[in-house]
PDB file of all heavy atoms in Angstrom:
ATOM      1  N   MET A   1      60.303  21.771  44.279  1.00  0.00           N
ATOM      2  CA  MET A   1      61.217  21.082  43.358  1.00  0.00           C
ATOM      3  C   MET A   1      60.884  21.332  41.897  1.00  0.00           C
ATOM      4  O   MET A   1      61.787  21.499  41.065  1.00  0.00           O
ATOM      5  CB  MET A   1      61.264  19.587  43.651  1.00  0.00           C
ATOM      6  CG  MET A   1      60.011  18.803  43.358  1.00  0.00           C
ATOM      7  SD  MET A   1      60.285  17.000  43.401  1.00  0.00           S
ATOM      8  CE  MET A   1      60.666  16.707  45.110  1.00  0.00           C
ATOM      9  N   ILE A   2      59.609  21.399  41.551  1.00  0.00           N
ATOM     10  CA  ILE A   2      59.259  21.590  40.144  1.00  0.00           C
ATOM     11  C   ILE A   2      59.694  22.962  39.636  1.00  0.00           C
ATOM     12  O   ILE A   2      59.912  23.147  38.430  1.00  0.00           O
ATOM     13  CB  ILE A   2      57.742  21.373  39.921  1.00  0.00           C
ATOM     14  CG1 ILE A   2      57.449  21.237  38.422  1.00  0.00           C
ATOM     15  CG2 ILE A   2      56.921  22.478  40.569  1.00  0.00           C
ATOM     16  CD1 ILE A   2      56.006  20.873  38.110  1.00  0.00           C
ATOM     17  N   ALA A   3      59.868  23.941  40.538  1.00  0.00           N
ATOM     18  CA  ALA A   3      60.311  25.270  40.112  1.00  0.00           C
ATOM     19  C   ALA A   3      61.692  25.220  39.479  1.00  0.00           C
ATOM     20  O   ALA A   3      61.985  25.957  38.527  1.00  0.00           O
ATOM     21  CB  ALA A   3      60.302  26.233  41.295  1.00  0.00           C
ATOM     22  N   HIS A   4      62.557  24.354  39.984  1.00  0.00           N
ATOM     23  CA  HIS A   4      63.898  24.218  39.401  1.00  0.00           C
ATOM     24  C   HIS A   4      63.820  23.671  37.981  1.00  0.00           C
ATOM     25  O   HIS A   4      64.548  24.124  37.089  1.00  0.00           O
ATOM     26  CB  HIS A   4      64.748  23.293  40.276  1.00  0.00           C
ATOM     27  CG  HIS A   4      64.975  23.800  41.666  1.00  0.00           C
ATOM     28  ND1 HIS A   4      65.853  24.826  41.952  1.00  0.00           N
ATOM     29  CD2 HIS A   4      64.431  23.418  42.858  1.00  0.00           C
ATOM     30  CE1 HIS A   4      65.851  25.053  43.257  1.00  0.00           C
ATOM     31  NE2 HIS A   4      64.986  24.218  43.825  1.00  0.00           N
ATOM     32  N   VAL A   5      62.934  22.694  37.766  1.00  0.00           N
ATOM     33  CA  VAL A   5      62.778  22.115  36.432  1.00  0.00           C
ATOM     34  C   VAL A   5      62.160  23.144  35.488  1.00  0.00           C
ATOM     35  O   VAL A   5      62.581  23.281  34.330  1.00  0.00           O
ATOM     36  CB  VAL A   5      61.919  20.836  36.489  1.00  0.00           C
ATOM     37  CG1 VAL A   5      61.910  20.130  35.134  1.00  0.00           C
ATOM     38  CG2 VAL A   5      62.429  19.882  37.565  1.00  0.00           C
ATOM     39  N   LEU A   6      61.187  23.872  35.969  1.00  0.00           N
ATOM     40  CA  LEU A   6      60.549  24.913  35.158  1.00  0.00           C
ATOM     41  C   LEU A   6      61.546  26.001  34.770  1.00  0.00           C
ATOM     42  O   LEU A   6      61.516  26.508  33.642  1.00  0.00           O
ATOM     43  CB  LEU A   6      59.376  25.533  35.927  1.00  0.00           C
ATOM     44  CG  LEU A   6      58.110  24.689  36.019  1.00  0.00           C
ATOM     45  CD1 LEU A   6      57.138  25.294  37.028  1.00  0.00           C
ATOM     46  CD2 LEU A   6      57.434  24.559  34.651  1.00  0.00           C
ATOM     47  N   GLU A   7      62.429  26.337  35.678  1.00  0.00           N
ATOM     48  CA  GLU A   7      63.422  27.370  35.384  1.00  0.00           C
ATOM     49  C   GLU A   7      64.355  26.931  34.258  1.00  0.00           C
ATOM     50  O   GLU A   7      64.680  27.714  33.358  1.00  0.00           O
ATOM     51  CB  GLU A   7      64.220  27.697  36.642  1.00  0.00           C
ATOM     52  CG  GLU A   7      65.117  28.916  36.494  1.00  0.00           C
ATOM     53  CD  GLU A   7      65.673  29.358  37.835  1.00  0.00           C
ATOM     54  OE1 GLU A   7      66.725  28.822  38.230  1.00  0.00           O
ATOM     55  OE2 GLU A   7      65.061  30.219  38.479  1.00  0.00           O
ATOM     56  N   SER A   8      64.800  25.677  34.308  1.00  0.00           N
ATOM     57  CA  SER A   8      65.656  25.177  33.233  1.00  0.00           C
ATOM     58  C   SER A   8      64.893  25.082  31.919  1.00  0.00           C
ATOM     59  O   SER A   8      65.431  25.382  30.846  1.00  0.00           O
ATOM     60  CB  SER A   8      66.225  23.801  33.611  1.00  0.00           C
ATOM     61  OG  SER A   8      67.159  23.927  34.662  1.00  0.00           O
ATOM     62  N   ALA A   9      63.633  24.673  31.995  1.00  0.00           N
ATOM     63  CA  ALA A   9      62.801  24.607  30.790  1.00  0.00           C
ATOM     64  C   ALA A   9      62.622  25.996  30.180  1.00  0.00           C
ATOM     65  O   ALA A   9      62.694  26.165  28.952  1.00  0.00           O
ATOM     66  CB  ALA A   9      61.448  23.986  31.121  1.00  0.00           C
ATOM     67  N   ALA A  10      62.407  26.982  31.040  1.00  0.00           N
ATOM     68  CA  ALA A  10      62.225  28.354  30.554  1.00  0.00           C
ATOM     69  C   ALA A  10      63.480  28.857  29.848  1.00  0.00           C
ATOM     70  O   ALA A  10      63.407  29.518  28.813  1.00  0.00           O
ATOM     71  CB  ALA A  10      61.865  29.271  31.721  1.00  0.00           C
ATOM     72  N   ALA A  11      64.641  28.524  30.409  1.00  0.00           N
ATOM     73  CA  ALA A  11      65.907  28.994  29.844  1.00  0.00           C
ATOM     74  C   ALA A  11      66.325  28.224  28.601  1.00  0.00           C
ATOM     75  O   ALA A  11      67.242  28.640  27.892  1.00  0.00           O
ATOM     76  CB  ALA A  11      67.006  28.902  30.906  1.00  0.00           C
ATOM     77  N   SER A  12      65.661  27.104  28.330  1.00  0.00           N
ATOM     78  CA  SER A  12      66.050  26.256  27.193  1.00  0.00           C
ATOM     79  C   SER A  12      65.631  26.835  25.849  1.00  0.00           C
ATOM     80  O   SER A  12      66.125  26.406  24.810  1.00  0.00           O
ATOM     81  CB  SER A  12      65.415  24.869  27.349  1.00  0.00           C
ATOM     82  OG  SER A  12      64.015  24.934  27.091  1.00  0.00           O
ATOM     83  N   GLY A  13      64.677  27.754  25.885  1.00  0.00           N
ATOM     84  CA  GLY A  13      64.163  28.315  24.642  1.00  0.00           C
ATOM     85  C   GLY A  13      62.993  27.551  24.062  1.00  0.00           C
ATOM     86  O   GLY A  13      62.516  27.874  22.969  1.00  0.00           O
ATOM     87  N   ALA A  14      62.506  26.520  24.766  1.00  0.00           N
ATOM     88  CA  ALA A  14      61.350  25.761  24.282  1.00  0.00           C
ATOM     89  C   ALA A  14      60.154  26.693  24.080  1.00  0.00           C
ATOM     90  O   ALA A  14      59.905  27.578  24.898  1.00  0.00           O
ATOM     91  CB  ALA A  14      61.000  24.659  25.274  1.00  0.00           C
ATOM     92  N   GLU A  15      59.422  26.456  23.014  1.00  0.00           N
ATOM     93  CA  GLU A  15      58.271  27.311  22.711  1.00  0.00           C
ATOM     94  C   GLU A  15      57.142  27.128  23.720  1.00  0.00           C
ATOM     95  O   GLU A  15      56.383  28.062  24.005  1.00  0.00           O
ATOM     96  CB  GLU A  15      57.735  26.995  21.313  1.00  0.00           C
ATOM     97  CG  GLU A  15      58.732  27.229  20.192  1.00  0.00           C
ATOM     98  CD  GLU A  15      58.203  26.711  18.868  1.00  0.00           C
ATOM     99  OE1 GLU A  15      57.009  26.924  18.583  1.00  0.00           O
ATOM    100  OE2 GLU A  15      58.970  26.081  18.129  1.00  0.00           O
ATOM    101  N   ARG A  16      57.002  25.914  24.241  1.00  0.00           N
ATOM    102  CA  ARG A  16      55.911  25.607  25.161  1.00  0.00           C
ATOM    103  C   ARG A  16      56.417  24.681  26.261  1.00  0.00           C
ATOM    104  O   ARG A  16      57.201  23.768  26.015  1.00  0.00           O
ATOM    105  CB  ARG A  16      54.753  24.962  24.400  1.00  0.00           C
ATOM    106  CG  ARG A  16      53.530  24.671  25.234  1.00  0.00           C
ATOM    107  CD  ARG A  16      52.328  24.438  24.339  1.00  0.00           C
ATOM    108  NE  ARG A  16      51.929  25.656  23.642  1.00  0.00           N
ATOM    109  CZ  ARG A  16      50.922  25.732  22.774  1.00  0.00           C
ATOM    110  NH1 ARG A  16      50.223  24.652  22.484  1.00  0.00           N
ATOM    111  NH2 ARG A  16      50.614  26.867  22.198  1.00  0.00           N
ATOM    112  N   VAL A  17      55.973  24.945  27.499  1.00  0.00           N
ATOM    113  CA  VAL A  17      56.311  24.103  28.643  1.00  0.00           C
ATOM    114  C   VAL A  17      54.999  23.610  29.234  1.00  0.00           C
ATOM    115  O   VAL A  17      54.129  24.411  29.599  1.00  0.00           O
ATOM    116  CB  VAL A  17      57.123  24.877  29.701  1.00  0.00           C
ATOM    117  CG1 VAL A  17      57.413  23.984  30.904  1.00  0.00           C
ATOM    118  CG2 VAL A  17      58.426  25.400  29.090  1.00  0.00           C
ATOM    119  N   ILE A  18      54.847  22.293  29.311  1.00  0.00           N
ATOM    120  CA  ILE A  18      53.586  21.682  29.743  1.00  0.00           C
ATOM    121  C   ILE A  18      53.806  20.931  31.047  1.00  0.00           C
ATOM    122  O   ILE A  18      54.767  20.175  31.177  1.00  0.00           O
ATOM    123  CB  ILE A  18      53.064  20.704  28.669  1.00  0.00           C
ATOM    124  CG1 ILE A  18      52.986  21.400  27.302  1.00  0.00           C
ATOM    125  CG2 ILE A  18      51.706  20.134  29.059  1.00  0.00           C
ATOM    126  CD1 ILE A  18      52.907  20.435  26.131  1.00  0.00           C
ATOM    127  N   ILE A  19      52.923  21.146  32.011  1.00  0.00           N
ATOM    128  CA  ILE A  19      52.944  20.371  33.249  1.00  0.00           C
ATOM    129  C   ILE A  19      51.763  19.415  33.231  1.00  0.00           C
ATOM    130  O   ILE A  19      50.614  19.830  33.058  1.00  0.00           O
ATOM    131  CB  ILE A  19      52.838  21.270  34.494  1.00  0.00           C
ATOM    132  CG1 ILE A  19      53.967  22.298  34.532  1.00  0.00           C
ATOM    133  CG2 ILE A  19      52.860  20.418  35.769  1.00  0.00           C
ATOM    134  CD1 ILE A  19      53.829  23.312  35.673  1.00  0.00           C
ATOM    135  N   SER A  20      52.034  18.132  33.412  1.00  0.00           N
ATOM    136  CA  SER A  20      50.976  17.126  33.536  1.00  0.00           C
ATOM    137  C   SER A  20      50.769  16.838  35.015  1.00  0.00           C
ATOM    138  O   SER A  20      51.685  16.363  35.696  1.00  0.00           O
ATOM    139  CB  SER A  20      51.379  15.852  32.781  1.00  0.00           C
ATOM    140  OG  SER A  20      50.433  14.821  32.997  1.00  0.00           O
ATOM    141  N   THR A  21      49.579  17.125  35.528  1.00  0.00           N
ATOM    142  CA  THR A  21      49.345  17.019  36.968  1.00  0.00           C
ATOM    143  C   THR A  21      47.902  16.634  37.270  1.00  0.00           C
ATOM    144  O   THR A  21      47.000  16.903  36.477  1.00  0.00           O
ATOM    145  CB  THR A  21      49.673  18.364  37.661  1.00  0.00           C
ATOM    146  OG1 THR A  21      49.402  18.262  39.061  1.00  0.00           O
ATOM    147  CG2 THR A  21      48.849  19.504  37.074  1.00  0.00           C
ATOM    148  N   HIS A  22      47.713  16.014  38.437  1.00  0.00           N
ATOM    149  CA  HIS A  22      46.364  15.753  38.944  1.00  0.00           C
ATOM    150  C   HIS A  22      45.860  16.908  39.812  1.00  0.00           C
ATOM    151  O   HIS A  22      44.702  16.903  40.233  1.00  0.00           O
ATOM    152  CB  HIS A  22      46.350  14.476  39.794  1.00  0.00           C
ATOM    153  CG  HIS A  22      46.626  13.227  39.010  1.00  0.00           C
ATOM    154  ND1 HIS A  22      47.857  12.624  38.962  1.00  0.00           N
ATOM    155  CD2 HIS A  22      45.809  12.472  38.220  1.00  0.00           C
ATOM    156  CE1 HIS A  22      47.794  11.542  38.203  1.00  0.00           C
ATOM    157  NE2 HIS A  22      46.572  11.434  37.739  1.00  0.00           N
ATOM    158  N   HIS A  23      46.728  17.861  40.100  1.00  0.00           N
ATOM    159  CA  HIS A  23      46.442  18.929  41.055  1.00  0.00           C
ATOM    160  C   HIS A  23      45.998  20.184  40.307  1.00  0.00           C
ATOM    161  O   HIS A  23      46.819  20.927  39.763  1.00  0.00           O
ATOM    162  CB  HIS A  23      47.697  19.185  41.890  1.00  0.00           C
ATOM    163  CG  HIS A  23      47.525  20.180  42.988  1.00  0.00           C
ATOM    164  ND1 HIS A  23      46.318  20.452  43.580  1.00  0.00           N
ATOM    165  CD2 HIS A  23      48.429  20.971  43.623  1.00  0.00           C
ATOM    166  CE1 HIS A  23      46.475  21.364  44.519  1.00  0.00           C
ATOM    167  NE2 HIS A  23      47.755  21.695  44.562  1.00  0.00           N
ATOM    168  N   ALA A  24      44.701  20.432  40.272  1.00  0.00           N
ATOM    169  CA  ALA A  24      44.160  21.535  39.472  1.00  0.00           C
ATOM    170  C   ALA A  24      44.683  22.892  39.915  1.00  0.00           C
ATOM    171  O   ALA A  24      44.828  23.810  39.098  1.00  0.00           O
ATOM    172  CB  ALA A  24      42.633  21.512  39.541  1.00  0.00           C
ATOM    173  N   ALA A  25      44.973  23.060  41.201  1.00  0.00           N
ATOM    174  CA  ALA A  25      45.435  24.347  41.722  1.00  0.00           C
ATOM    175  C   ALA A  25      46.952  24.415  41.860  1.00  0.00           C
ATOM    176  O   ALA A  25      47.481  25.194  42.661  1.00  0.00           O
ATOM    177  CB  ALA A  25      44.781  24.619  43.084  1.00  0.00           C
ATOM    178  N   LEU A  26      47.669  23.620  41.073  1.00  0.00           N
ATOM    179  CA  LEU A  26      49.122  23.526  41.228  1.00  0.00           C
ATOM    180  C   LEU A  26      49.822  24.874  41.087  1.00  0.00           C
ATOM    181  O   LEU A  26      50.667  25.235  41.905  1.00  0.00           O
ATOM    182  CB  LEU A  26      49.701  22.537  40.214  1.00  0.00           C
ATOM    183  CG  LEU A  26      51.227  22.414  40.217  1.00  0.00           C
ATOM    184  CD1 LEU A  26      51.721  21.888  41.560  1.00  0.00           C
ATOM    185  CD2 LEU A  26      51.705  21.520  39.085  1.00  0.00           C
ATOM    186  N   LEU A  27      49.476  25.642  40.062  1.00  0.00           N
ATOM    187  CA  LEU A  27      50.184  26.906  39.837  1.00  0.00           C
ATOM    188  C   LEU A  27      49.968  27.882  40.989  1.00  0.00           C
ATOM    189  O   LEU A  27      50.898  28.599  41.383  1.00  0.00           O
ATOM    190  CB  LEU A  27      49.750  27.532  38.512  1.00  0.00           C
ATOM    191  CG  LEU A  27      50.107  26.748  37.248  1.00  0.00           C
ATOM    192  CD1 LEU A  27      49.779  27.567  36.014  1.00  0.00           C
ATOM    193  CD2 LEU A  27      51.563  26.340  37.241  1.00  0.00           C
TER     194      LEU A  27
END
């Protein structure tokens, strides 16, 4: 599910996209 949000964030033109997570190996 987070991939869909990341895709929209990437297309928005934002200079930086930050994920706040407890999961160190998330990526």
